Amino acid sequence: MENPKVQEILEKQLLSVAKAVEDKLDDEITAIDRLDIDDLEALRERRLQQMKKMAEKRNRWISLGHGDYSEIPVEKEFFSVVKASDRVVCHFYRENWPCKVIDKHMSILAKRHIETRFVKINAEKSPFLAEKLKIQVLPTLALIKNAKVDDYVVGFDELGGTDEFNTEELEERLAKAQVIFFEGESSIKTSAQTRSVRQSTNPDSSDSE
């Protein structure tokens, strides 16, 4: 006996929701219809300004080396790199197969995510940095935001434990750390101890440009 009543209530609720959506669409259409030439020109100008700012930002990123996966030749240069860009992914490597696998994916992601600087540095030739950032397993990716190491990807454990992971798996991991922009994925920040790389007690490892 109660089922018809429940169904009637549900139907009324659905109709109410549909009516609300329809009213909202009508309001938006009406608002667009009311726009005059000045309003449309203002919207166009605002959009042009947004595009100009984005173009300027992209040009600045490219001037800093974004878009390419490059090597930091000496330890001291690391500090200048992370200071210049808001987001940096640094691969601490040595000459072995696992690190070459990471190289392949980093090269792809560097071109895909121009908003982030992708670099690598030889850990065995960078003892000060390796000790300071506690790099113990290679390959290790240091995920750096605003000149601070915010997170790490160590080895392949988080990527399925094998070197057969695809680029998208690494991309998703970097997106969760918010070191790249990746629409469609959650922006859950992984917990990790943050170590500052702004300061250095080693006079040979200054972050001055």
N, C-alpha and C. Protein backbone atom coordinates (compact mmCIF):
# COMPACT_ATOMS: atom_id res chain seq x y z
N MET A 1 0.81 -1.20 0.00
CA MET A 1 0.00 0.00 0.00
C MET A 1 0.86 1.26 0.00
N GLU A 2 2.03 1.15 0.68
CA GLU A 2 2.86 2.34 0.84
C GLU A 2 3.72 2.62 -0.40
N ASN A 3 3.95 1.57 -1.20
CA ASN A 3 4.84 1.75 -2.36
C ASN A 3 4.34 2.81 -3.33
N PRO A 4 3.03 2.83 -3.68
CA PRO A 4 2.56 3.88 -4.57
C PRO A 4 2.80 5.27 -4.01
N LYS A 5 2.65 5.43 -2.69
CA LYS A 5 2.87 6.73 -2.07
C LYS A 5 4.34 7.14 -2.16
N VAL A 6 5.20 6.16 -1.88
CA VAL A 6 6.64 6.43 -1.98
C VAL A 6 7.00 6.82 -3.40
N GLN A 7 6.43 6.09 -4.38
CA GLN A 7 6.71 6.40 -5.78
C GLN A 7 6.22 7.80 -6.14
N GLU A 8 5.03 8.15 -5.61
CA GLU A 8 4.48 9.48 -5.90
C GLU A 8 5.37 10.57 -5.33
N ILE A 9 5.89 10.35 -4.11
CA ILE A 9 6.79 11.33 -3.49
C ILE A 9 8.08 11.48 -4.30
N LEU A 10 8.65 10.33 -4.73
CA LEU A 10 9.87 10.37 -5.53
C LEU A 10 9.65 11.11 -6.84
N GLU A 11 8.49 10.87 -7.48
CA GLU A 11 8.19 11.53 -8.74
C GLU A 11 8.10 13.04 -8.56
N LYS A 12 7.48 13.44 -7.45
CA LYS A 12 7.35 14.87 -7.16
C LYS A 12 8.72 15.51 -6.93
N GLN A 13 9.59 14.77 -6.22
CA GLN A 13 10.94 15.29 -5.97
C GLN A 13 11.73 15.44 -7.26
N LEU A 14 11.61 14.43 -8.15
CA LEU A 14 12.30 14.48 -9.43
C LEU A 14 11.80 15.65 -10.27
N LEU A 15 10.48 15.84 -10.27
CA LEU A 15 9.91 16.95 -11.02
C LEU A 15 10.40 18.29 -10.47
N SER A 16 10.52 18.35 -9.13
CA SER A 16 10.98 19.58 -8.49
C SER A 16 12.42 19.89 -8.88
N VAL A 17 13.28 18.85 -8.87
CA VAL A 17 14.68 19.03 -9.27
C VAL A 17 14.78 19.44 -10.73
N ALA A 18 14.02 18.77 -11.59
CA ALA A 18 14.02 19.09 -13.01
C ALA A 18 13.59 20.53 -13.25
N LYS A 19 12.56 20.96 -12.51
CA LYS A 19 12.07 22.34 -12.65
C LYS A 19 13.14 23.35 -12.22
N ALA A 20 13.87 23.01 -11.12
CA ALA A 20 14.92 23.91 -10.64
C ALA A 20 16.04 24.04 -11.66
N VAL A 21 16.44 22.92 -12.27
CA VAL A 21 17.48 22.93 -13.29
C VAL A 21 17.02 23.74 -14.50
N GLU A 22 15.77 23.53 -14.90
CA GLU A 22 15.22 24.25 -16.04
C GLU A 22 15.19 25.75 -15.77
N ASP A 23 14.77 26.13 -14.56
CA ASP A 23 14.73 27.56 -14.20
C ASP A 23 16.12 28.18 -14.23
N LYS A 24 17.11 27.40 -13.74
CA LYS A 24 18.49 27.92 -13.73
C LYS A 24 18.99 28.15 -15.15
N LEU A 25 18.72 27.19 -16.04
CA LEU A 25 19.12 27.34 -17.44
C LEU A 25 18.44 28.54 -18.08
N ASP A 26 17.13 28.71 -17.77
CA ASP A 26 16.38 29.85 -18.31
C ASP A 26 17.01 31.17 -17.85
N ASP A 27 17.40 31.22 -16.57
CA ASP A 27 18.02 32.43 -16.04
C ASP A 27 19.34 32.74 -16.75
N GLU A 28 20.14 31.67 -16.98
CA GLU A 28 21.43 31.87 -17.64
C GLU A 28 21.24 32.34 -19.09
N ILE A 29 20.25 31.75 -19.77
CA ILE A 29 19.98 32.16 -21.16
C ILE A 29 19.51 33.61 -21.20
N THR A 30 18.62 33.95 -20.24
CA THR A 30 18.13 35.33 -20.16
C THR A 30 19.27 36.31 -19.92
N ALA A 31 20.21 35.91 -19.03
CA ALA A 31 21.35 36.79 -18.72
C ALA A 31 22.20 37.01 -19.95
N ILE A 32 22.40 35.96 -20.75
CA ILE A 32 23.18 36.09 -21.98
C ILE A 32 22.46 37.00 -22.97
N ASP A 33 21.12 36.81 -23.08
CA ASP A 33 20.33 37.63 -24.00
C ASP A 33 20.38 39.11 -23.64
N ARG A 34 20.54 39.39 -22.35
CA ARG A 34 20.54 40.78 -21.90
C ARG A 34 21.89 41.49 -22.10
N LEU A 35 22.91 40.70 -22.43
CA LEU A 35 24.23 41.31 -22.65
C LEU A 35 24.18 42.25 -23.84
N ASP A 36 24.68 43.44 -23.66
CA ASP A 36 24.76 44.35 -24.79
C ASP A 36 26.17 44.32 -25.38
N ILE A 37 26.40 45.14 -26.35
CA ILE A 37 27.70 45.14 -27.05
C ILE A 37 28.83 45.46 -26.09
N ASP A 38 28.60 46.41 -25.17
CA ASP A 38 29.64 46.77 -24.21
C ASP A 38 30.00 45.60 -23.30
N ASP A 39 28.95 44.86 -22.87
CA ASP A 39 29.19 43.68 -22.01
C ASP A 39 30.01 42.64 -22.76
N LEU A 40 29.65 42.37 -24.00
CA LEU A 40 30.36 41.38 -24.80
C LEU A 40 31.80 41.81 -25.04
N GLU A 41 32.00 43.10 -25.26
CA GLU A 41 33.35 43.62 -25.48
C GLU A 41 34.19 43.47 -24.21
N ALA A 42 33.55 43.70 -23.04
CA ALA A 42 34.26 43.56 -21.77
C ALA A 42 34.67 42.11 -21.54
N LEU A 43 33.76 41.18 -21.86
CA LEU A 43 34.07 39.75 -21.73
C LEU A 43 35.22 39.37 -22.67
N ARG A 44 35.17 39.88 -23.88
CA ARG A 44 36.22 39.59 -24.86
C ARG A 44 37.56 40.14 -24.39
N GLU A 45 37.55 41.35 -23.86
CA GLU A 45 38.79 41.96 -23.38
C GLU A 45 39.37 41.18 -22.20
N ARG A 46 38.48 40.73 -21.31
CA ARG A 46 38.92 39.95 -20.15
C ARG A 46 39.57 38.65 -20.61
N ARG A 47 38.94 38.02 -21.60
CA ARG A 47 39.49 36.76 -22.12
C ARG A 47 40.84 36.99 -22.79
N LEU A 48 40.97 38.08 -23.53
CA LEU A 48 42.23 38.39 -24.19
C LEU A 48 43.34 38.62 -23.17
N GLN A 49 43.00 39.30 -22.07
CA GLN A 49 43.98 39.54 -21.01
C GLN A 49 44.43 38.23 -20.37
N GLN A 50 43.47 37.32 -20.17
CA GLN A 50 43.80 36.01 -19.59
C GLN A 50 44.74 35.25 -20.52
N MET A 51 44.44 35.28 -21.81
CA MET A 51 45.29 34.59 -22.79
C MET A 51 46.68 35.21 -22.85
N LYS A 52 46.75 36.54 -22.73
CA LYS A 52 48.04 37.24 -22.75
C LYS A 52 48.88 36.84 -21.55
N LYS A 53 48.24 36.80 -20.37
CA LYS A 53 48.96 36.41 -19.16
C LYS A 53 49.48 34.99 -19.26
N MET A 54 48.64 34.09 -19.80
CA MET A 54 49.07 32.70 -19.95
C MET A 54 50.24 32.59 -20.93
N ALA A 55 50.19 33.35 -22.01
CA ALA A 55 51.29 33.33 -22.99
C ALA A 55 52.58 33.84 -22.35
N GLU A 56 52.47 34.90 -21.55
CA GLU A 56 53.65 35.43 -20.86
C GLU A 56 54.21 34.40 -19.89
N LYS A 57 53.31 33.71 -19.21
CA LYS A 57 53.75 32.69 -18.24
C LYS A 57 54.46 31.55 -18.96
N ARG A 58 53.90 31.11 -20.09
CA ARG A 58 54.52 30.02 -20.86
C ARG A 58 55.89 30.44 -21.37
N ASN A 59 55.99 31.67 -21.84
CA ASN A 59 57.28 32.16 -22.33
C ASN A 59 58.32 32.18 -21.22
N ARG A 60 57.89 32.58 -20.03
CA ARG A 60 58.82 32.61 -18.89
C ARG A 60 59.25 31.19 -18.54
N TRP A 61 58.29 30.26 -18.52
CA TRP A 61 58.63 28.86 -18.22
C TRP A 61 59.66 28.34 -19.21
N ILE A 62 59.42 28.60 -20.50
CA ILE A 62 60.33 28.11 -21.54
C ILE A 62 61.72 28.72 -21.36
N SER A 63 61.77 30.00 -21.00
CA SER A 63 63.07 30.66 -20.80
C SER A 63 63.85 30.05 -19.64
N LEU A 64 63.13 29.43 -18.70
CA LEU A 64 63.78 28.80 -17.55
C LEU A 64 64.15 27.33 -17.82
N GLY A 65 63.78 26.85 -19.00
CA GLY A 65 64.13 25.47 -19.34
C GLY A 65 62.98 24.49 -19.23
N HIS A 66 61.79 24.98 -18.92
CA HIS A 66 60.63 24.10 -18.87
C HIS A 66 60.34 23.56 -20.28
N GLY A 67 59.74 22.39 -20.34
CA GLY A 67 59.44 21.77 -21.63
C GLY A 67 60.50 20.79 -22.08
N ASP A 68 61.67 20.84 -21.46
CA ASP A 68 62.75 19.90 -21.75
C ASP A 68 63.18 19.19 -20.46
N TYR A 69 63.67 18.00 -20.62
CA TYR A 69 64.22 17.24 -19.49
C TYR A 69 65.73 17.37 -19.57
N SER A 70 66.32 18.12 -18.65
CA SER A 70 67.75 18.43 -18.76
C SER A 70 68.51 18.00 -17.50
N GLU A 71 69.81 17.96 -17.63
CA GLU A 71 70.66 17.55 -16.52
C GLU A 71 71.28 18.77 -15.83
N ILE A 72 71.31 18.72 -14.51
CA ILE A 72 72.02 19.73 -13.73
C ILE A 72 73.47 19.25 -13.63
N PRO A 73 74.41 19.96 -14.22
CA PRO A 73 75.78 19.44 -14.32
C PRO A 73 76.55 19.45 -13.00
N VAL A 74 76.28 20.44 -12.15
CA VAL A 74 77.03 20.53 -10.89
C VAL A 74 76.06 20.79 -9.75
N GLU A 75 76.44 20.32 -8.57
CA GLU A 75 75.60 20.43 -7.37
C GLU A 75 75.10 21.85 -7.12
N LYS A 76 76.02 22.79 -7.22
CA LYS A 76 75.71 24.17 -6.85
C LYS A 76 74.56 24.73 -7.67
N GLU A 77 74.44 24.27 -8.92
CA GLU A 77 73.40 24.79 -9.81
C GLU A 77 71.99 24.33 -9.39
N PHE A 78 71.91 23.26 -8.64
CA PHE A 78 70.62 22.74 -8.17
C PHE A 78 69.83 23.83 -7.46
N PHE A 79 70.49 24.61 -6.62
CA PHE A 79 69.80 25.62 -5.82
C PHE A 79 69.23 26.74 -6.69
N SER A 80 69.95 27.12 -7.72
CA SER A 80 69.44 28.13 -8.65
C SER A 80 68.21 27.62 -9.39
N VAL A 81 68.24 26.36 -9.78
CA VAL A 81 67.12 25.77 -10.53
C VAL A 81 65.85 25.75 -9.69
N VAL A 82 65.95 25.24 -8.46
CA VAL A 82 64.74 25.10 -7.64
C VAL A 82 64.25 26.46 -7.13
N LYS A 83 65.12 27.43 -7.09
CA LYS A 83 64.73 28.77 -6.67
C LYS A 83 63.99 29.50 -7.79
N ALA A 84 64.33 29.19 -9.04
CA ALA A 84 63.76 29.91 -10.18
C ALA A 84 62.35 29.45 -10.55
N SER A 85 62.05 28.17 -10.31
CA SER A 85 60.75 27.61 -10.71
C SER A 85 59.93 27.21 -9.50
N ASP A 86 58.62 27.42 -9.58
CA ASP A 86 57.73 27.07 -8.47
C ASP A 86 57.62 25.57 -8.27
N ARG A 87 57.70 24.82 -9.36
CA ARG A 87 57.53 23.37 -9.30
C ARG A 87 58.69 22.70 -10.06
N VAL A 88 59.39 21.80 -9.37
CA VAL A 88 60.51 21.09 -9.99
C VAL A 88 60.43 19.61 -9.62
N VAL A 89 60.65 18.74 -10.60
CA VAL A 89 60.81 17.31 -10.34
C VAL A 89 62.26 16.98 -10.68
N CYS A 90 63.02 16.57 -9.66
CA CYS A 90 64.44 16.29 -9.86
C CYS A 90 64.71 14.80 -9.66
N HIS A 91 65.27 14.18 -10.69
CA HIS A 91 65.60 12.76 -10.68
C HIS A 91 67.06 12.60 -10.22
N PHE A 92 67.23 12.01 -9.03
CA PHE A 92 68.57 11.65 -8.55
C PHE A 92 68.89 10.26 -9.12
N TYR A 93 69.93 10.20 -9.94
CA TYR A 93 70.17 8.97 -10.71
C TYR A 93 71.62 8.52 -10.63
N ARG A 94 71.84 7.31 -11.12
CA ARG A 94 73.17 6.85 -11.50
C ARG A 94 73.00 6.06 -12.79
N GLU A 95 74.10 5.68 -13.41
CA GLU A 95 74.02 5.02 -14.71
C GLU A 95 73.62 3.56 -14.54
N ASN A 96 72.32 3.31 -14.49
CA ASN A 96 71.82 1.93 -14.44
C ASN A 96 70.47 1.87 -15.14
N TRP A 97 69.96 0.65 -15.31
CA TRP A 97 68.73 0.45 -16.07
C TRP A 97 67.51 1.11 -15.41
N PRO A 98 67.27 0.94 -14.10
CA PRO A 98 66.09 1.59 -13.50
C PRO A 98 66.07 3.10 -13.72
N CYS A 99 67.21 3.74 -13.64
CA CYS A 99 67.25 5.19 -13.83
C CYS A 99 66.98 5.57 -15.29
N LYS A 100 67.39 4.70 -16.22
CA LYS A 100 67.09 4.97 -17.62
C LYS A 100 65.59 4.85 -17.89
N VAL A 101 64.92 3.96 -17.17
CA VAL A 101 63.46 3.85 -17.28
C VAL A 101 62.80 5.16 -16.85
N ILE A 102 63.24 5.69 -15.72
CA ILE A 102 62.72 6.97 -15.23
C ILE A 102 63.00 8.08 -16.24
N ASP A 103 64.20 8.07 -16.83
CA ASP A 103 64.55 9.07 -17.84
C ASP A 103 63.52 9.11 -18.97
N LYS A 104 63.12 7.93 -19.42
CA LYS A 104 62.18 7.84 -20.54
C LYS A 104 60.86 8.53 -20.19
N HIS A 105 60.34 8.25 -19.01
CA HIS A 105 59.05 8.83 -18.61
C HIS A 105 59.18 10.33 -18.32
N MET A 106 60.31 10.73 -17.74
CA MET A 106 60.52 12.14 -17.43
C MET A 106 60.58 12.97 -18.72
N SER A 107 61.20 12.43 -19.76
CA SER A 107 61.29 13.14 -21.04
C SER A 107 59.90 13.41 -21.62
N ILE A 108 59.01 12.43 -21.48
CA ILE A 108 57.64 12.59 -21.97
C ILE A 108 56.88 13.63 -21.15
N LEU A 109 57.00 13.51 -19.82
CA LEU A 109 56.24 14.40 -18.94
C LEU A 109 56.73 15.84 -19.02
N ALA A 110 58.01 16.04 -19.28
CA ALA A 110 58.54 17.40 -19.39
C ALA A 110 57.85 18.16 -20.51
N LYS A 111 57.59 17.48 -21.61
CA LYS A 111 56.92 18.12 -22.74
C LYS A 111 55.42 18.26 -22.48
N ARG A 112 54.87 17.34 -21.73
CA ARG A 112 53.42 17.34 -21.46
C ARG A 112 53.04 18.37 -20.41
N HIS A 113 53.97 18.66 -19.47
CA HIS A 113 53.66 19.56 -18.35
C HIS A 113 54.69 20.68 -18.30
N ILE A 114 54.45 21.68 -19.15
CA ILE A 114 55.38 22.79 -19.26
C ILE A 114 55.38 23.67 -18.01
N GLU A 115 54.35 23.50 -17.16
CA GLU A 115 54.28 24.30 -15.93
C GLU A 115 55.30 23.87 -14.89
N THR A 116 55.97 22.72 -15.12
CA THR A 116 56.91 22.16 -14.14
C THR A 116 58.28 21.95 -14.80
N ARG A 117 59.33 22.19 -14.06
CA ARG A 117 60.70 21.95 -14.56
C ARG A 117 61.10 20.52 -14.22
N PHE A 118 61.52 19.77 -15.22
CA PHE A 118 61.97 18.39 -15.04
C PHE A 118 63.48 18.32 -15.27
N VAL A 119 64.20 17.88 -14.24
CA VAL A 119 65.66 17.83 -14.33
C VAL A 119 66.17 16.54 -13.69
N LYS A 120 67.46 16.27 -13.91
CA LYS A 120 68.10 15.14 -13.24
C LYS A 120 69.49 15.55 -12.80
N ILE A 121 69.99 14.85 -11.79
CA ILE A 121 71.34 15.13 -11.29
C ILE A 121 71.96 13.81 -10.84
N ASN A 122 73.23 13.65 -11.15
CA ASN A 122 73.93 12.41 -10.80
C ASN A 122 74.18 12.39 -9.29
N ALA A 123 73.52 11.46 -8.61
CA ALA A 123 73.61 11.41 -7.13
C ALA A 123 75.02 11.08 -6.67
N GLU A 124 75.73 10.25 -7.42
CA GLU A 124 77.07 9.86 -7.01
C GLU A 124 78.07 11.00 -7.13
N LYS A 125 77.75 11.99 -7.98
CA LYS A 125 78.61 13.16 -8.13
C LYS A 125 78.10 14.35 -7.31
N SER A 126 77.06 14.09 -6.51
CA SER A 126 76.45 15.15 -5.70
C SER A 126 76.31 14.69 -4.25
N PRO A 127 77.43 14.40 -3.58
CA PRO A 127 77.36 13.83 -2.23
C PRO A 127 76.71 14.77 -1.21
N PHE A 128 76.93 16.06 -1.35
CA PHE A 128 76.33 16.99 -0.39
C PHE A 128 74.81 16.96 -0.47
N LEU A 129 74.29 17.07 -1.68
CA LEU A 129 72.83 17.04 -1.87
C LEU A 129 72.23 15.71 -1.44
N ALA A 130 72.89 14.62 -1.84
CA ALA A 130 72.38 13.29 -1.51
C ALA A 130 72.29 13.10 0.01
N GLU A 131 73.28 13.60 0.73
CA GLU A 131 73.24 13.49 2.19
C GLU A 131 72.19 14.43 2.79
N LYS A 132 72.15 15.67 2.30
CA LYS A 132 71.23 16.67 2.84
C LYS A 132 69.77 16.25 2.65
N LEU A 133 69.48 15.68 1.49
CA LEU A 133 68.10 15.28 1.18
C LEU A 133 67.84 13.81 1.47
N LYS A 134 68.82 13.16 2.08
CA LYS A 134 68.69 11.76 2.50
C LYS A 134 68.30 10.85 1.32
N ILE A 135 69.00 11.01 0.21
CA ILE A 135 68.80 10.16 -0.95
C ILE A 135 69.58 8.87 -0.72
N GLN A 136 68.87 7.76 -0.56
CA GLN A 136 69.52 6.49 -0.25
C GLN A 136 69.27 5.43 -1.31
N VAL A 137 68.15 5.54 -2.02
CA VAL A 137 67.79 4.57 -3.05
C VAL A 137 67.72 5.29 -4.39
N LEU A 138 68.28 4.68 -5.42
CA LEU A 138 68.22 5.25 -6.76
C LEU A 138 67.48 4.29 -7.69
N PRO A 139 66.59 4.83 -8.51
CA PRO A 139 66.28 6.24 -8.70
C PRO A 139 65.37 6.79 -7.60
N THR A 140 65.52 8.09 -7.31
CA THR A 140 64.60 8.82 -6.43
C THR A 140 64.21 10.12 -7.13
N LEU A 141 62.94 10.41 -7.12
CA LEU A 141 62.45 11.69 -7.62
C LEU A 141 62.16 12.59 -6.43
N ALA A 142 62.80 13.73 -6.39
CA ALA A 142 62.50 14.74 -5.37
C ALA A 142 61.47 15.70 -5.97
N LEU A 143 60.32 15.83 -5.30
CA LEU A 143 59.24 16.68 -5.79
C LEU A 143 59.30 18.00 -5.03
N ILE A 144 59.62 19.06 -5.73
CA ILE A 144 59.99 20.33 -5.09
C ILE A 144 58.97 21.40 -5.44
N LYS A 145 58.45 22.06 -4.41
CA LYS A 145 57.51 23.16 -4.60
C LYS A 145 57.99 24.36 -3.80
N ASN A 146 58.07 25.50 -4.47
CA ASN A 146 58.52 26.73 -3.81
C ASN A 146 59.85 26.55 -3.09
N ALA A 147 60.79 25.91 -3.79
CA ALA A 147 62.16 25.71 -3.31
C ALA A 147 62.26 24.79 -2.09
N LYS A 148 61.25 23.97 -1.86
CA LYS A 148 61.32 23.00 -0.76
C LYS A 148 60.96 21.61 -1.28
N VAL A 149 61.73 20.62 -0.85
CA VAL A 149 61.40 19.24 -1.20
C VAL A 149 60.17 18.84 -0.39
N ASP A 150 59.08 18.62 -1.09
CA ASP A 150 57.79 18.37 -0.44
C ASP A 150 57.45 16.88 -0.38
N ASP A 151 58.05 16.09 -1.28
CA ASP A 151 57.67 14.68 -1.37
C ASP A 151 58.75 13.95 -2.17
N TYR A 152 58.70 12.63 -2.12
CA TYR A 152 59.64 11.79 -2.86
C TYR A 152 58.91 10.63 -3.53
N VAL A 153 59.41 10.23 -4.68
CA VAL A 153 59.04 8.94 -5.28
C VAL A 153 60.32 8.12 -5.28
N VAL A 154 60.34 7.08 -4.46
CA VAL A 154 61.56 6.29 -4.26
C VAL A 154 61.43 4.95 -4.98
N GLY A 155 62.34 4.71 -5.91
CA GLY A 155 62.30 3.46 -6.65
C GLY A 155 60.99 3.30 -7.41
N PHE A 156 60.55 2.04 -7.55
CA PHE A 156 59.32 1.74 -8.28
C PHE A 156 58.20 1.23 -7.37
N ASP A 157 58.40 1.28 -6.05
CA ASP A 157 57.43 0.70 -5.13
C ASP A 157 56.03 1.28 -5.31
N GLU A 158 55.95 2.59 -5.53
CA GLU A 158 54.64 3.23 -5.69
C GLU A 158 54.11 3.15 -7.12
N LEU A 159 54.87 2.53 -7.99
CA LEU A 159 54.50 2.45 -9.40
C LEU A 159 54.30 1.01 -9.84
N GLY A 160 53.86 0.20 -8.90
CA GLY A 160 53.59 -1.21 -9.20
C GLY A 160 54.74 -2.14 -8.89
N GLY A 161 55.86 -1.60 -8.41
CA GLY A 161 56.99 -2.44 -8.02
C GLY A 161 57.73 -3.05 -9.19
N THR A 162 57.50 -2.54 -10.40
CA THR A 162 58.15 -3.08 -11.59
C THR A 162 58.52 -1.95 -12.52
N ASP A 163 59.49 -2.19 -13.41
CA ASP A 163 59.89 -1.14 -14.35
C ASP A 163 58.96 -1.07 -15.56
N GLU A 164 57.87 -1.85 -15.53
CA GLU A 164 56.93 -1.86 -16.66
C GLU A 164 55.77 -0.89 -16.48
N PHE A 165 55.83 -0.01 -15.49
CA PHE A 165 54.76 0.97 -15.30
C PHE A 165 54.72 1.92 -16.50
N ASN A 166 53.53 2.53 -16.73
CA ASN A 166 53.42 3.45 -17.85
C ASN A 166 53.55 4.90 -17.39
N THR A 167 53.70 5.78 -18.33
CA THR A 167 53.92 7.20 -18.01
C THR A 167 52.76 7.78 -17.22
N GLU A 168 51.54 7.34 -17.55
CA GLU A 168 50.36 7.87 -16.87
C GLU A 168 50.34 7.55 -15.38
N GLU A 169 50.90 6.41 -15.00
CA GLU A 169 50.96 6.07 -13.57
C GLU A 169 51.87 7.03 -12.82
N LEU A 170 53.02 7.36 -13.42
CA LEU A 170 53.91 8.33 -12.80
C LEU A 170 53.27 9.72 -12.81
N GLU A 171 52.60 10.04 -13.90
CA GLU A 171 51.92 11.33 -14.03
C GLU A 171 50.88 11.51 -12.92
N GLU A 172 50.11 10.47 -12.67
CA GLU A 172 49.09 10.54 -11.62
C GLU A 172 49.73 10.72 -10.24
N ARG A 173 50.85 10.03 -10.01
CA ARG A 173 51.54 10.17 -8.72
C ARG A 173 52.05 11.60 -8.52
N LEU A 174 52.58 12.19 -9.56
CA LEU A 174 53.07 13.57 -9.45
C LEU A 174 51.90 14.55 -9.27
N ALA A 175 50.78 14.25 -9.89
CA ALA A 175 49.61 15.10 -9.74
C ALA A 175 49.07 15.07 -8.31
N LYS A 176 49.09 13.91 -7.70
CA LYS A 176 48.62 13.80 -6.32
C LYS A 176 49.52 14.60 -5.37
N ALA A 177 50.77 14.73 -5.74
CA ALA A 177 51.69 15.54 -4.94
C ALA A 177 51.58 17.01 -5.30
N GLN A 178 50.73 17.32 -6.29
CA GLN A 178 50.48 18.70 -6.73
C GLN A 178 51.74 19.38 -7.26
N VAL A 179 52.60 18.61 -7.86
CA VAL A 179 53.80 19.19 -8.46
C VAL A 179 53.62 19.38 -9.97
N ILE A 180 52.50 18.84 -10.51
CA ILE A 180 52.07 19.12 -11.88
C ILE A 180 50.58 19.41 -11.85
N PHE A 181 50.09 20.04 -12.91
CA PHE A 181 48.66 20.28 -13.06
C PHE A 181 48.10 19.11 -13.86
N PHE A 182 47.07 18.47 -13.32
CA PHE A 182 46.52 17.29 -13.99
C PHE A 182 45.03 17.25 -13.76
N GLU A 183 44.25 17.82 -14.67
CA GLU A 183 42.80 17.88 -14.50
C GLU A 183 42.21 16.48 -14.53
N GLY A 184 41.17 16.27 -13.70
CA GLY A 184 40.49 14.99 -13.68
C GLY A 184 40.96 14.08 -12.58
N GLU A 185 42.05 14.44 -11.93
CA GLU A 185 42.55 13.64 -10.83
C GLU A 185 42.43 14.41 -9.52
N SER A 186 42.31 13.69 -8.43
CA SER A 186 42.20 14.36 -7.13
C SER A 186 43.51 15.04 -6.79
N SER A 187 43.42 16.08 -6.00
CA SER A 187 44.61 16.83 -5.59
C SER A 187 44.97 16.50 -4.16
N ILE A 188 44.99 15.21 -3.84
CA ILE A 188 45.31 14.79 -2.48
C ILE A 188 46.81 14.88 -2.29
N LYS A 189 47.20 15.63 -1.30
CA LYS A 189 48.63 15.81 -1.03
C LYS A 189 49.14 14.64 -0.21
N THR A 190 50.16 13.98 -0.72
CA THR A 190 50.74 12.87 0.02
C THR A 190 51.55 13.40 1.18
N SER A 191 51.52 12.68 2.28
CA SER A 191 52.24 13.13 3.47
C SER A 191 53.71 12.79 3.33
N ALA A 192 54.53 13.76 3.56
CA ALA A 192 55.98 13.54 3.50
C ALA A 192 56.66 14.63 4.30
N GLN A 193 57.80 14.32 4.82
CA GLN A 193 58.55 15.32 5.57
C GLN A 193 59.12 16.33 4.59
N THR A 194 58.93 17.62 4.88
CA THR A 194 59.41 18.69 4.01
C THR A 194 60.77 19.15 4.48
N ARG A 195 61.70 19.15 3.54
CA ARG A 195 63.05 19.61 3.86
C ARG A 195 63.36 20.82 3.01
N SER A 196 63.80 21.88 3.62
CA SER A 196 64.12 23.11 2.88
C SER A 196 65.44 22.95 2.16
N VAL A 197 65.45 23.42 0.91
CA VAL A 197 66.72 23.43 0.17
C VAL A 197 67.11 24.87 -0.13
N ARG A 198 66.47 25.82 0.51
CA ARG A 198 66.84 27.23 0.31
C ARG A 198 68.19 27.53 0.94
N GLN A 199 68.39 26.99 2.15
CA GLN A 199 69.60 27.31 2.90
C GLN A 199 70.63 26.20 2.77
N SER A 200 71.86 26.55 2.85
CA SER A 200 72.94 25.58 2.78
C SER A 200 74.06 26.02 3.69
N THR A 201 74.58 25.07 4.43
CA THR A 201 75.71 25.39 5.29
C THR A 201 77.03 25.19 4.57
N ASN A 202 76.94 24.62 3.35
CA ASN A 202 78.14 24.38 2.57
C ASN A 202 78.41 25.58 1.67
N PRO A 203 79.51 26.24 1.82
CA PRO A 203 79.78 27.44 1.02
C PRO A 203 79.88 27.14 -0.46
N ASP A 204 80.17 25.88 -0.83
CA ASP A 204 80.26 25.51 -2.24
C ASP A 204 78.92 25.16 -2.83
N SER A 205 77.85 25.19 -2.01
CA SER A 205 76.54 24.80 -2.51
C SER A 205 75.54 25.93 -2.28
N SER A 206 75.91 27.11 -2.65
CA SER A 206 75.06 28.30 -2.45
C SER A 206 73.90 28.28 -3.42
N ASP A 207 72.76 28.87 -2.98
CA ASP A 207 71.62 28.97 -3.87
C ASP A 207 71.57 30.32 -4.56
N SER A 208 72.64 31.07 -4.49
CA SER A 208 72.67 32.36 -5.18
C SER A 208 72.82 32.15 -6.67
N GLU A 209 72.19 33.06 -7.42
CA GLU A 209 72.24 32.92 -8.87
C GLU A 209 73.50 33.58 -9.44
